[in-house]
Amino acid sequence: MAVIVMTLIENHLKYGYWFKSFMKIIVFGGSIFLYSRFYGKSILQTLNINRKKPSHKLIILMAGVYAIVIVGYLLLKDHIDLGTIRQNLMNKENLTVHNFYWIFGYIILFNSLLEESFFRGFIYHSFKEEGMSRAGMVFGSVLFSLYHIGIMSSWFNPLVFILALISLTVAGIMLQYVEIRNDNLLASYLVHGCANLAINTIGTLMILFQ
C-alpha cells in the first residue's frame, strides 16, 4: 500500500522534489514506525541495523557498483532519451542548476537509507519473521523495481524499459543478499548510496553540459 501511495504521489502530484521527499519519509518511515510499535521492537531491530564496520570486500563492491553504473550508461546512452530525462527533472522535480547539488546529496545520503530501510529492512524482515525469507527478498525487490520504474517510465524506449525493470529487480535481490551476507542493513545502504552517486554523477553532467 505504501508503494502505491508513493507512486501516485510521485506521478500525479505537481509538487517539487522536497515535498515528495517529505511525503516519502511520512509514508515509508511511518510504516516502519507503526510496525515496530505494534510488534514491540526498536526500529534498529526491525531494520537489522548495527555498528559493524564495512569489510574490505564491501568497499571493493561499492567501487565496482559505481563503475558498473557508469559503464552501463556509456553503453546504453544512445538508447536513452537524455533530453527527455533532463526536461523531466527540471519540470517535474523543479530541479535547477542552483539546487540540484542539494537534491543529489540528499538522494545519496538520505534517500538511499530510507529506501533500504523500507525495502531491504522492513519488508524483508517482516517476511523473515514469518519464515518466508525468499518470498520477502523477491517481493521487496519487485516492489523496489516497480516503484522506480513508475518514476522513470517516460525516460526510455520499450526495450530499455523492460531491461531496466529486470535490472532493478536483480539489483534489489543483490542488495538484499549484501544485507543478509553482512547481517547489517548499513551494508546494502552503502552499496545503494554508491549506485546513486554514480547515477547523480551522470545527472550532474547531463544538467551542466546537455
N, C-alpha and C. Protein backbone atom coordinates (compact mmCIF):
# COMPACT_ATOMS: atom_id res chain seq x y z
N MET A 1 0.82 -1.20 0.00
CA MET A 1 0.00 0.00 0.00
C MET A 1 0.87 1.27 0.00
N ALA A 2 1.93 1.25 0.81
CA ALA A 2 2.82 2.42 0.89
C ALA A 2 3.45 2.72 -0.46
N VAL A 3 3.83 1.67 -1.21
CA VAL A 3 4.44 1.85 -2.52
C VAL A 3 3.44 2.43 -3.50
N ILE A 4 2.19 1.97 -3.46
CA ILE A 4 1.14 2.50 -4.33
C ILE A 4 0.92 3.99 -4.04
N VAL A 5 0.84 4.32 -2.75
CA VAL A 5 0.63 5.73 -2.36
C VAL A 5 1.76 6.60 -2.89
N MET A 6 3.02 6.14 -2.71
CA MET A 6 4.15 6.94 -3.16
C MET A 6 4.23 7.03 -4.67
N THR A 7 3.85 5.97 -5.37
CA THR A 7 3.85 6.01 -6.83
C THR A 7 2.85 7.04 -7.34
N LEU A 8 1.69 7.09 -6.71
CA LEU A 8 0.68 8.08 -7.08
C LEU A 8 1.18 9.50 -6.79
N ILE A 9 1.81 9.67 -5.64
CA ILE A 9 2.35 10.99 -5.29
C ILE A 9 3.42 11.41 -6.28
N GLU A 10 4.34 10.49 -6.59
CA GLU A 10 5.45 10.80 -7.49
C GLU A 10 4.97 11.18 -8.89
N ASN A 11 3.91 10.54 -9.36
CA ASN A 11 3.50 10.70 -10.75
C ASN A 11 2.34 11.66 -10.98
N HIS A 12 1.58 11.97 -9.93
CA HIS A 12 0.36 12.74 -10.17
C HIS A 12 0.28 14.06 -9.40
N LEU A 13 1.08 14.23 -8.37
CA LEU A 13 1.07 15.50 -7.65
C LEU A 13 2.13 16.42 -8.24
N LYS A 14 1.74 17.62 -8.58
CA LYS A 14 2.66 18.54 -9.25
C LYS A 14 3.38 19.42 -8.22
N TYR A 15 4.14 18.76 -7.37
CA TYR A 15 4.96 19.45 -6.39
C TYR A 15 6.42 19.10 -6.63
N GLY A 16 7.32 19.88 -6.05
CA GLY A 16 8.74 19.67 -6.27
C GLY A 16 9.29 18.50 -5.47
N TYR A 17 10.58 18.30 -5.63
CA TYR A 17 11.24 17.13 -5.05
C TYR A 17 11.16 17.11 -3.52
N TRP A 18 11.31 18.26 -2.87
CA TRP A 18 11.38 18.27 -1.41
C TRP A 18 10.04 17.89 -0.79
N PHE A 19 8.94 18.32 -1.40
CA PHE A 19 7.62 17.93 -0.89
C PHE A 19 7.44 16.42 -1.01
N LYS A 20 7.80 15.87 -2.17
CA LYS A 20 7.66 14.44 -2.39
C LYS A 20 8.57 13.65 -1.44
N SER A 21 9.74 14.18 -1.16
CA SER A 21 10.66 13.51 -0.24
C SER A 21 10.08 13.51 1.17
N PHE A 22 9.47 14.62 1.56
CA PHE A 22 8.82 14.69 2.87
C PHE A 22 7.70 13.66 2.98
N MET A 23 6.90 13.54 1.92
CA MET A 23 5.81 12.57 1.92
C MET A 23 6.36 11.13 1.95
N LYS A 24 7.49 10.93 1.31
CA LYS A 24 8.11 9.59 1.30
C LYS A 24 8.57 9.22 2.71
N ILE A 25 9.13 10.18 3.42
CA ILE A 25 9.54 9.94 4.80
C ILE A 25 8.32 9.57 5.65
N ILE A 26 7.22 10.30 5.45
CA ILE A 26 5.99 10.03 6.21
C ILE A 26 5.45 8.64 5.89
N VAL A 27 5.35 8.32 4.59
CA VAL A 27 4.74 7.05 4.17
C VAL A 27 5.63 5.86 4.49
N PHE A 28 6.89 5.88 4.03
CA PHE A 28 7.79 4.76 4.28
C PHE A 28 8.20 4.70 5.76
N GLY A 29 8.62 5.84 6.28
CA GLY A 29 9.05 5.88 7.68
C GLY A 29 7.91 5.56 8.64
N GLY A 30 6.72 6.07 8.31
CA GLY A 30 5.56 5.80 9.16
C GLY A 30 5.21 4.32 9.19
N SER A 31 5.33 3.64 8.06
CA SER A 31 5.07 2.20 8.00
C SER A 31 6.03 1.43 8.91
N ILE A 32 7.30 1.81 8.85
CA ILE A 32 8.31 1.15 9.68
C ILE A 32 8.04 1.41 11.16
N PHE A 33 7.72 2.65 11.49
CA PHE A 33 7.47 3.04 12.89
C PHE A 33 6.27 2.28 13.46
N LEU A 34 5.17 2.24 12.70
CA LEU A 34 3.96 1.57 13.18
C LEU A 34 4.19 0.07 13.36
N TYR A 35 4.92 -0.54 12.41
CA TYR A 35 5.23 -1.97 12.52
C TYR A 35 6.06 -2.23 13.77
N SER A 36 7.06 -1.40 14.01
CA SER A 36 7.94 -1.58 15.17
C SER A 36 7.16 -1.44 16.47
N ARG A 37 6.29 -0.45 16.54
CA ARG A 37 5.48 -0.24 17.74
C ARG A 37 4.53 -1.41 17.97
N PHE A 38 3.92 -1.89 16.90
CA PHE A 38 2.93 -2.96 17.02
C PHE A 38 3.56 -4.25 17.54
N TYR A 39 4.78 -4.54 17.08
CA TYR A 39 5.45 -5.78 17.49
C TYR A 39 6.43 -5.57 18.66
N GLY A 40 6.45 -4.38 19.22
CA GLY A 40 7.26 -4.13 20.40
C GLY A 40 8.75 -4.19 20.16
N LYS A 41 9.19 -3.76 18.98
CA LYS A 41 10.61 -3.77 18.64
C LYS A 41 11.13 -2.35 18.52
N SER A 42 12.45 -2.21 18.65
CA SER A 42 13.05 -0.93 18.30
C SER A 42 13.16 -0.86 16.78
N ILE A 43 13.29 0.35 16.26
CA ILE A 43 13.43 0.50 14.81
C ILE A 43 14.72 -0.15 14.33
N LEU A 44 15.78 -0.06 15.13
CA LEU A 44 17.05 -0.70 14.75
C LEU A 44 16.91 -2.20 14.65
N GLN A 45 16.13 -2.81 15.53
CA GLN A 45 15.88 -4.25 15.46
C GLN A 45 15.06 -4.60 14.23
N THR A 46 14.04 -3.81 13.97
CA THR A 46 13.18 -4.05 12.81
C THR A 46 13.98 -4.03 11.52
N LEU A 47 14.92 -3.09 11.43
CA LEU A 47 15.67 -2.87 10.19
C LEU A 47 16.98 -3.64 10.13
N ASN A 48 17.36 -4.29 11.23
CA ASN A 48 18.63 -5.02 11.30
C ASN A 48 19.82 -4.08 11.05
N ILE A 49 19.88 -3.02 11.85
CA ILE A 49 20.98 -2.06 11.78
C ILE A 49 21.89 -2.25 13.00
N ASN A 50 23.19 -2.38 12.75
CA ASN A 50 24.15 -2.49 13.84
C ASN A 50 25.41 -1.71 13.48
N ARG A 51 26.40 -1.77 14.35
CA ARG A 51 27.60 -0.93 14.19
C ARG A 51 28.79 -1.66 13.58
N LYS A 52 28.55 -2.74 12.87
CA LYS A 52 29.66 -3.44 12.23
C LYS A 52 30.36 -2.55 11.21
N LYS A 53 31.69 -2.59 11.21
CA LYS A 53 32.45 -1.83 10.23
C LYS A 53 32.41 -2.52 8.86
N PRO A 54 32.40 -1.73 7.78
CA PRO A 54 32.39 -2.35 6.44
C PRO A 54 33.66 -3.13 6.18
N SER A 55 33.53 -4.31 5.58
CA SER A 55 34.69 -5.14 5.26
C SER A 55 35.37 -4.63 3.99
N HIS A 56 36.58 -5.15 3.75
CA HIS A 56 37.30 -4.78 2.53
C HIS A 56 36.51 -5.23 1.29
N LYS A 57 35.88 -6.39 1.37
CA LYS A 57 35.08 -6.88 0.24
C LYS A 57 33.93 -5.94 -0.06
N LEU A 58 33.31 -5.41 0.99
CA LEU A 58 32.20 -4.49 0.79
C LEU A 58 32.67 -3.20 0.12
N ILE A 59 33.82 -2.70 0.52
CA ILE A 59 34.36 -1.47 -0.07
C ILE A 59 34.67 -1.70 -1.56
N ILE A 60 35.23 -2.86 -1.88
CA ILE A 60 35.50 -3.19 -3.29
C ILE A 60 34.20 -3.27 -4.07
N LEU A 61 33.17 -3.87 -3.48
CA LEU A 61 31.86 -3.96 -4.12
C LEU A 61 31.28 -2.57 -4.38
N MET A 62 31.42 -1.67 -3.43
CA MET A 62 30.92 -0.31 -3.59
C MET A 62 31.56 0.36 -4.80
N ALA A 63 32.88 0.23 -4.91
CA ALA A 63 33.60 0.81 -6.05
C ALA A 63 33.17 0.15 -7.35
N GLY A 64 32.98 -1.16 -7.31
CA GLY A 64 32.57 -1.89 -8.51
C GLY A 64 31.20 -1.47 -8.98
N VAL A 65 30.27 -1.26 -8.06
CA VAL A 65 28.91 -0.83 -8.42
C VAL A 65 28.95 0.53 -9.09
N TYR A 66 29.75 1.43 -8.54
CA TYR A 66 29.88 2.77 -9.15
C TYR A 66 30.38 2.64 -10.59
N ALA A 67 31.40 1.81 -10.79
CA ALA A 67 31.98 1.64 -12.13
C ALA A 67 30.99 1.00 -13.09
N ILE A 68 30.24 0.01 -12.62
CA ILE A 68 29.28 -0.69 -13.47
C ILE A 68 28.18 0.26 -13.96
N VAL A 69 27.68 1.11 -13.08
CA VAL A 69 26.63 2.06 -13.47
C VAL A 69 27.15 3.03 -14.53
N ILE A 70 28.36 3.54 -14.33
CA ILE A 70 28.94 4.48 -15.29
C ILE A 70 29.16 3.80 -16.64
N VAL A 71 29.71 2.59 -16.64
CA VAL A 71 29.97 1.86 -17.88
C VAL A 71 28.64 1.52 -18.56
N GLY A 72 27.64 1.10 -17.77
CA GLY A 72 26.33 0.79 -18.34
C GLY A 72 25.71 1.99 -19.03
N TYR A 73 25.86 3.15 -18.42
CA TYR A 73 25.35 4.38 -19.04
C TYR A 73 26.06 4.65 -20.36
N LEU A 74 27.36 4.51 -20.39
CA LEU A 74 28.13 4.76 -21.61
C LEU A 74 27.73 3.81 -22.74
N LEU A 75 27.38 2.58 -22.37
CA LEU A 75 26.98 1.59 -23.38
C LEU A 75 25.57 1.82 -23.91
N LEU A 76 24.69 2.35 -23.06
CA LEU A 76 23.26 2.46 -23.41
C LEU A 76 22.80 3.88 -23.70
N LYS A 77 23.69 4.85 -23.61
CA LYS A 77 23.25 6.24 -23.70
C LYS A 77 22.59 6.57 -25.04
N ASP A 78 22.95 5.87 -26.10
CA ASP A 78 22.33 6.14 -27.40
C ASP A 78 20.89 5.65 -27.47
N HIS A 79 20.48 4.82 -26.50
CA HIS A 79 19.12 4.30 -26.46
C HIS A 79 18.27 4.98 -25.41
N ILE A 80 18.84 5.98 -24.74
CA ILE A 80 18.14 6.70 -23.68
C ILE A 80 17.88 8.13 -24.16
N ASP A 81 16.66 8.58 -23.95
CA ASP A 81 16.30 9.94 -24.36
C ASP A 81 16.78 10.92 -23.30
N LEU A 82 18.04 11.35 -23.43
CA LEU A 82 18.65 12.21 -22.42
C LEU A 82 17.95 13.56 -22.31
N GLY A 83 17.50 14.08 -23.44
CA GLY A 83 16.79 15.36 -23.43
C GLY A 83 15.51 15.29 -22.63
N THR A 84 14.77 14.19 -22.79
CA THR A 84 13.52 14.00 -22.04
C THR A 84 13.79 13.86 -20.55
N ILE A 85 14.85 13.12 -20.21
CA ILE A 85 15.19 12.96 -18.79
C ILE A 85 15.52 14.31 -18.17
N ARG A 86 16.34 15.09 -18.86
CA ARG A 86 16.73 16.40 -18.34
C ARG A 86 15.51 17.30 -18.17
N GLN A 87 14.63 17.31 -19.18
CA GLN A 87 13.42 18.13 -19.11
C GLN A 87 12.50 17.66 -18.00
N ASN A 88 12.42 16.33 -17.83
CA ASN A 88 11.59 15.76 -16.78
C ASN A 88 12.09 16.18 -15.41
N LEU A 89 13.40 16.12 -15.21
CA LEU A 89 13.98 16.51 -13.92
C LEU A 89 13.76 17.99 -13.65
N MET A 90 13.91 18.79 -14.66
CA MET A 90 13.75 20.23 -14.50
C MET A 90 12.29 20.61 -14.19
N ASN A 91 11.36 20.00 -14.93
CA ASN A 91 9.95 20.38 -14.80
C ASN A 91 9.24 19.67 -13.65
N LYS A 92 9.35 18.33 -13.62
CA LYS A 92 8.61 17.53 -12.66
C LYS A 92 9.16 17.69 -11.24
N GLU A 93 10.49 17.74 -11.10
CA GLU A 93 11.11 17.80 -9.78
C GLU A 93 11.57 19.20 -9.40
N ASN A 94 11.33 20.18 -10.28
CA ASN A 94 11.77 21.56 -10.04
C ASN A 94 13.28 21.64 -9.80
N LEU A 95 14.02 20.83 -10.53
CA LEU A 95 15.47 20.83 -10.43
C LEU A 95 16.04 21.99 -11.23
N THR A 96 17.02 22.68 -10.68
CA THR A 96 17.69 23.77 -11.39
C THR A 96 19.19 23.63 -11.20
N VAL A 97 19.95 24.40 -11.95
CA VAL A 97 21.41 24.37 -11.79
C VAL A 97 21.84 24.91 -10.43
N HIS A 98 20.90 25.56 -9.73
CA HIS A 98 21.23 26.14 -8.43
C HIS A 98 20.90 25.21 -7.26
N ASN A 99 19.94 24.28 -7.43
CA ASN A 99 19.55 23.46 -6.29
C ASN A 99 19.85 21.97 -6.45
N PHE A 100 20.32 21.54 -7.62
CA PHE A 100 20.45 20.10 -7.84
C PHE A 100 21.54 19.48 -6.97
N TYR A 101 22.56 20.27 -6.56
CA TYR A 101 23.59 19.72 -5.70
C TYR A 101 23.00 19.24 -4.38
N TRP A 102 22.09 20.06 -3.82
CA TRP A 102 21.46 19.70 -2.55
C TRP A 102 20.58 18.47 -2.71
N ILE A 103 19.83 18.43 -3.80
CA ILE A 103 18.94 17.29 -4.04
C ILE A 103 19.74 16.02 -4.27
N PHE A 104 20.78 16.10 -5.09
CA PHE A 104 21.59 14.92 -5.35
C PHE A 104 22.28 14.44 -4.07
N GLY A 105 22.74 15.37 -3.23
CA GLY A 105 23.35 15.00 -1.96
C GLY A 105 22.36 14.28 -1.06
N TYR A 106 21.13 14.78 -1.03
CA TYR A 106 20.08 14.14 -0.22
C TYR A 106 19.81 12.73 -0.73
N ILE A 107 19.74 12.58 -2.05
CA ILE A 107 19.47 11.26 -2.64
C ILE A 107 20.54 10.25 -2.23
N ILE A 108 21.80 10.67 -2.29
CA ILE A 108 22.91 9.76 -1.99
C ILE A 108 22.93 9.40 -0.50
N LEU A 109 22.79 10.38 0.38
CA LEU A 109 22.97 10.17 1.81
C LEU A 109 21.72 9.69 2.53
N PHE A 110 20.56 10.26 2.20
CA PHE A 110 19.36 10.01 2.99
C PHE A 110 18.30 9.19 2.26
N ASN A 111 18.08 9.48 0.98
CA ASN A 111 17.07 8.72 0.26
C ASN A 111 17.47 7.25 0.12
N SER A 112 18.76 7.00 -0.08
CA SER A 112 19.25 5.62 -0.16
C SER A 112 18.95 4.86 1.13
N LEU A 113 19.16 5.53 2.26
CA LEU A 113 18.90 4.90 3.56
C LEU A 113 17.41 4.64 3.76
N LEU A 114 16.58 5.60 3.36
CA LEU A 114 15.13 5.43 3.51
C LEU A 114 14.63 4.24 2.69
N GLU A 115 15.09 4.14 1.44
CA GLU A 115 14.66 3.04 0.58
C GLU A 115 15.19 1.70 1.09
N GLU A 116 16.44 1.65 1.53
CA GLU A 116 16.96 0.40 2.08
C GLU A 116 16.20 0.01 3.35
N SER A 117 15.88 0.99 4.17
CA SER A 117 15.13 0.71 5.39
C SER A 117 13.77 0.10 5.07
N PHE A 118 13.12 0.60 4.02
CA PHE A 118 11.78 0.12 3.69
C PHE A 118 11.83 -1.22 2.96
N PHE A 119 12.60 -1.29 1.87
CA PHE A 119 12.57 -2.48 1.02
C PHE A 119 13.42 -3.64 1.57
N ARG A 120 14.66 -3.36 1.98
CA ARG A 120 15.55 -4.42 2.46
C ARG A 120 15.43 -4.66 3.96
N GLY A 121 14.97 -3.66 4.69
CA GLY A 121 14.81 -3.82 6.12
C GLY A 121 13.40 -4.24 6.50
N PHE A 122 12.48 -3.32 6.41
CA PHE A 122 11.11 -3.55 6.85
C PHE A 122 10.41 -4.70 6.11
N ILE A 123 10.37 -4.65 4.79
CA ILE A 123 9.65 -5.67 4.04
C ILE A 123 10.29 -7.04 4.20
N TYR A 124 11.60 -7.13 3.95
CA TYR A 124 12.26 -8.44 4.02
C TYR A 124 12.15 -9.06 5.40
N HIS A 125 12.45 -8.29 6.43
CA HIS A 125 12.48 -8.87 7.77
C HIS A 125 11.08 -9.15 8.32
N SER A 126 10.07 -8.45 7.84
CA SER A 126 8.70 -8.79 8.24
C SER A 126 8.30 -10.15 7.64
N PHE A 127 8.74 -10.43 6.41
CA PHE A 127 8.53 -11.76 5.81
C PHE A 127 9.37 -12.81 6.54
N LYS A 128 10.61 -12.46 6.85
CA LYS A 128 11.51 -13.40 7.51
C LYS A 128 10.94 -13.85 8.85
N GLU A 129 10.31 -12.94 9.57
CA GLU A 129 9.71 -13.27 10.86
C GLU A 129 8.65 -14.36 10.71
N GLU A 130 8.04 -14.44 9.53
CA GLU A 130 7.01 -15.45 9.27
C GLU A 130 7.58 -16.69 8.58
N GLY A 131 8.92 -16.78 8.50
CA GLY A 131 9.56 -17.93 7.88
C GLY A 131 9.51 -17.92 6.37
N MET A 132 9.40 -16.72 5.77
CA MET A 132 9.29 -16.61 4.31
C MET A 132 10.37 -15.68 3.77
N SER A 133 11.63 -16.01 4.06
CA SER A 133 12.74 -15.14 3.68
C SER A 133 12.84 -14.95 2.18
N ARG A 134 12.76 -16.05 1.42
CA ARG A 134 12.89 -15.95 -0.03
C ARG A 134 11.75 -15.13 -0.64
N ALA A 135 10.55 -15.35 -0.14
CA ALA A 135 9.41 -14.58 -0.64
C ALA A 135 9.60 -13.10 -0.33
N GLY A 136 10.13 -12.80 0.85
CA GLY A 136 10.38 -11.41 1.22
C GLY A 136 11.42 -10.77 0.34
N MET A 137 12.47 -11.52 -0.01
CA MET A 137 13.52 -11.00 -0.88
C MET A 137 12.96 -10.67 -2.26
N VAL A 138 12.19 -11.61 -2.83
CA VAL A 138 11.64 -11.41 -4.17
C VAL A 138 10.58 -10.31 -4.16
N PHE A 139 9.68 -10.35 -3.19
CA PHE A 139 8.60 -9.37 -3.12
C PHE A 139 9.15 -7.95 -2.95
N GLY A 140 10.09 -7.79 -2.03
CA GLY A 140 10.68 -6.48 -1.80
C GLY A 140 11.42 -5.97 -3.02
N SER A 141 12.10 -6.87 -3.73
CA SER A 141 12.87 -6.47 -4.91
C SER A 141 11.97 -6.08 -6.07
N VAL A 142 10.87 -6.82 -6.25
CA VAL A 142 9.92 -6.48 -7.32
C VAL A 142 9.25 -5.14 -7.02
N LEU A 143 8.87 -4.92 -5.76
CA LEU A 143 8.28 -3.62 -5.38
C LEU A 143 9.27 -2.48 -5.61
N PHE A 144 10.52 -2.72 -5.25
CA PHE A 144 11.59 -1.75 -5.45
C PHE A 144 11.69 -1.37 -6.93
N SER A 145 11.65 -2.38 -7.79
CA SER A 145 11.74 -2.16 -9.23
C SER A 145 10.53 -1.40 -9.75
N LEU A 146 9.33 -1.85 -9.38
CA LEU A 146 8.10 -1.22 -9.87
C LEU A 146 7.99 0.24 -9.41
N TYR A 147 8.42 0.51 -8.19
CA TYR A 147 8.39 1.88 -7.67
C TYR A 147 9.27 2.79 -8.51
N HIS A 148 10.49 2.35 -8.80
CA HIS A 148 11.41 3.20 -9.57
C HIS A 148 11.01 3.29 -11.04
N ILE A 149 10.49 2.20 -11.59
CA ILE A 149 10.04 2.23 -12.98
C ILE A 149 8.88 3.20 -13.14
N GLY A 150 8.01 3.26 -12.13
CA GLY A 150 6.90 4.21 -12.18
C GLY A 150 7.38 5.64 -12.30
N ILE A 151 8.49 5.94 -11.64
CA ILE A 151 9.07 7.29 -11.69
C ILE A 151 9.72 7.56 -13.04
N MET A 152 10.37 6.52 -13.61
CA MET A 152 11.20 6.71 -14.80
C MET A 152 10.55 6.23 -16.09
N SER A 153 9.25 5.95 -16.07
CA SER A 153 8.60 5.30 -17.21
C SER A 153 8.69 6.09 -18.52
N SER A 154 8.85 7.39 -18.43
CA SER A 154 8.89 8.19 -19.67
C SER A 154 10.31 8.41 -20.19
N TRP A 155 11.30 7.79 -19.54
CA TRP A 155 12.69 8.07 -19.89
C TRP A 155 13.22 7.19 -21.00
N PHE A 156 12.63 6.01 -21.21
CA PHE A 156 13.25 5.02 -22.08
C PHE A 156 12.31 4.56 -23.18
N ASN A 157 12.90 3.96 -24.22
CA ASN A 157 12.08 3.25 -25.19
C ASN A 157 11.67 1.91 -24.58
N PRO A 158 10.67 1.20 -25.17
CA PRO A 158 10.13 -0.03 -24.54
C PRO A 158 11.18 -1.08 -24.22
N LEU A 159 12.16 -1.30 -25.11
CA LEU A 159 13.18 -2.32 -24.88
C LEU A 159 14.01 -1.99 -23.65
N VAL A 160 14.47 -0.75 -23.56
CA VAL A 160 15.28 -0.34 -22.41
C VAL A 160 14.43 -0.32 -21.14
N PHE A 161 13.13 -0.01 -21.29
CA PHE A 161 12.22 -0.02 -20.15
C PHE A 161 12.16 -1.42 -19.53
N ILE A 162 11.98 -2.43 -20.36
CA ILE A 162 11.91 -3.82 -19.89
C ILE A 162 13.25 -4.23 -19.26
N LEU A 163 14.34 -3.84 -19.92
CA LEU A 163 15.67 -4.14 -19.38
C LEU A 163 15.86 -3.49 -18.02
N ALA A 164 15.39 -2.24 -17.88
CA ALA A 164 15.51 -1.53 -16.61
C ALA A 164 14.68 -2.21 -15.52
N LEU A 165 13.48 -2.69 -15.88
CA LEU A 165 12.61 -3.38 -14.93
C LEU A 165 13.30 -4.63 -14.38
N ILE A 166 13.87 -5.42 -15.28
CA ILE A 166 14.57 -6.64 -14.87
C ILE A 166 15.82 -6.30 -14.07
N SER A 167 16.56 -5.31 -14.55
CA SER A 167 17.82 -4.93 -13.88
C SER A 167 17.58 -4.43 -12.46
N LEU A 168 16.53 -3.64 -12.27
CA LEU A 168 16.22 -3.11 -10.94
C LEU A 168 15.79 -4.22 -9.99
N THR A 169 15.05 -5.21 -10.51
CA THR A 169 14.66 -6.34 -9.67
C THR A 169 15.89 -7.14 -9.24
N VAL A 170 16.78 -7.39 -10.19
CA VAL A 170 18.03 -8.10 -9.88
C VAL A 170 18.87 -7.29 -8.89
N ALA A 171 18.91 -5.97 -9.10
CA ALA A 171 19.66 -5.10 -8.19
C ALA A 171 19.09 -5.18 -6.78
N GLY A 172 17.77 -5.22 -6.68
CA GLY A 172 17.13 -5.34 -5.37
C GLY A 172 17.50 -6.64 -4.68
N ILE A 173 17.52 -7.74 -5.43
CA ILE A 173 17.90 -9.04 -4.87
C ILE A 173 19.36 -9.01 -4.43
N MET A 174 20.22 -8.40 -5.24
CA MET A 174 21.65 -8.32 -4.88
C MET A 174 21.85 -7.48 -3.62
N LEU A 175 21.12 -6.37 -3.51
CA LEU A 175 21.23 -5.54 -2.31
C LEU A 175 20.76 -6.30 -1.07
N GLN A 176 19.69 -7.10 -1.25
CA GLN A 176 19.22 -7.90 -0.12
C GLN A 176 20.26 -8.94 0.27
N TYR A 177 20.91 -9.52 -0.72
CA TYR A 177 21.96 -10.50 -0.44
C TYR A 177 23.11 -9.85 0.32
N VAL A 178 23.46 -8.62 -0.05
CA VAL A 178 24.52 -7.89 0.67
C VAL A 178 24.11 -7.68 2.12
N GLU A 179 22.85 -7.30 2.33
CA GLU A 179 22.34 -7.09 3.69
C GLU A 179 22.40 -8.38 4.51
N ILE A 180 22.00 -9.48 3.89
CA ILE A 180 22.00 -10.77 4.59
C ILE A 180 23.43 -11.23 4.87
N ARG A 181 24.27 -11.13 3.86
CA ARG A 181 25.66 -11.60 3.97
C ARG A 181 26.41 -10.85 5.08
N ASN A 182 26.16 -9.55 5.20
CA ASN A 182 26.85 -8.74 6.20
C ASN A 182 26.07 -8.62 7.51
N ASP A 183 24.84 -9.17 7.51
CA ASP A 183 23.97 -9.11 8.68
C ASP A 183 23.83 -7.67 9.19
N ASN A 184 23.64 -6.75 8.23
CA ASN A 184 23.59 -5.34 8.59
C ASN A 184 22.98 -4.54 7.43
N LEU A 185 21.91 -3.84 7.69
CA LEU A 185 21.29 -3.03 6.65
C LEU A 185 22.21 -1.94 6.13
N LEU A 186 23.12 -1.47 6.98
CA LEU A 186 24.01 -0.39 6.55
C LEU A 186 24.92 -0.82 5.41
N ALA A 187 25.16 -2.12 5.28
CA ALA A 187 26.00 -2.62 4.18
C ALA A 187 25.30 -2.39 2.84
N SER A 188 24.02 -2.77 2.75
CA SER A 188 23.29 -2.54 1.50
C SER A 188 23.05 -1.06 1.26
N TYR A 189 22.93 -0.30 2.35
CA TYR A 189 22.80 1.16 2.21
C TYR A 189 24.03 1.77 1.55
N LEU A 190 25.21 1.34 1.95
CA LEU A 190 26.45 1.88 1.37
C LEU A 190 26.55 1.55 -0.12
N VAL A 191 26.17 0.33 -0.49
CA VAL A 191 26.20 -0.07 -1.90
C VAL A 191 25.17 0.73 -2.69
N HIS A 192 23.97 0.86 -2.15
CA HIS A 192 22.90 1.64 -2.79
C HIS A 192 23.35 3.09 -2.95
N GLY A 193 23.99 3.63 -1.92
CA GLY A 193 24.48 5.01 -1.99
C GLY A 193 25.49 5.20 -3.10
N CYS A 194 26.36 4.21 -3.31
CA CYS A 194 27.36 4.30 -4.39
C CYS A 194 26.69 4.25 -5.76
N ALA A 195 25.64 3.43 -5.88
CA ALA A 195 24.89 3.39 -7.14
C ALA A 195 24.26 4.74 -7.41
N ASN A 196 23.67 5.35 -6.38
CA ASN A 196 23.07 6.67 -6.55
C ASN A 196 24.13 7.74 -6.82
N LEU A 197 25.30 7.58 -6.24
CA LEU A 197 26.40 8.52 -6.52
C LEU A 197 26.75 8.48 -8.00
N ALA A 198 26.81 7.27 -8.57
CA ALA A 198 27.12 7.13 -9.99
C ALA A 198 26.00 7.74 -10.85
N ILE A 199 24.76 7.45 -10.49
CA ILE A 199 23.62 7.99 -11.25
C ILE A 199 23.62 9.51 -11.19
N ASN A 200 23.93 10.05 -10.03
CA ASN A 200 23.93 11.51 -9.89
C ASN A 200 25.15 12.15 -10.51
N THR A 201 26.24 11.41 -10.64
CA THR A 201 27.38 11.89 -11.43
C THR A 201 26.95 12.10 -12.87
N ILE A 202 26.22 11.12 -13.41
CA ILE A 202 25.69 11.22 -14.77
C ILE A 202 24.71 12.37 -14.86
N GLY A 203 23.82 12.48 -13.83
CA GLY A 203 22.84 13.56 -13.82
C GLY A 203 23.47 14.93 -13.78
N THR A 204 24.55 15.06 -13.02
CA THR A 204 25.26 16.35 -12.95
C THR A 204 25.82 16.74 -14.31
N LEU A 205 26.45 15.80 -14.99
CA LEU A 205 26.99 16.08 -16.33
C LEU A 205 25.86 16.43 -17.29
N MET A 206 24.73 15.76 -17.14
CA MET A 206 23.58 16.00 -18.02
C MET A 206 23.02 17.40 -17.83
N ILE A 207 22.90 17.81 -16.58
CA ILE A 207 22.33 19.12 -16.26
C ILE A 207 23.27 20.25 -16.68
N LEU A 208 24.55 20.06 -16.43
CA LEU A 208 25.50 21.13 -16.69
C LEU A 208 25.93 21.24 -18.16
N PHE A 209 25.93 20.11 -18.88
CA PHE A 209 26.54 20.12 -20.20
C PHE A 209 25.62 19.70 -21.34
N GLN A 210 24.38 19.23 -21.05
CA GLN A 210 23.48 18.86 -22.15
C GLN A 210 22.95 20.10 -22.84
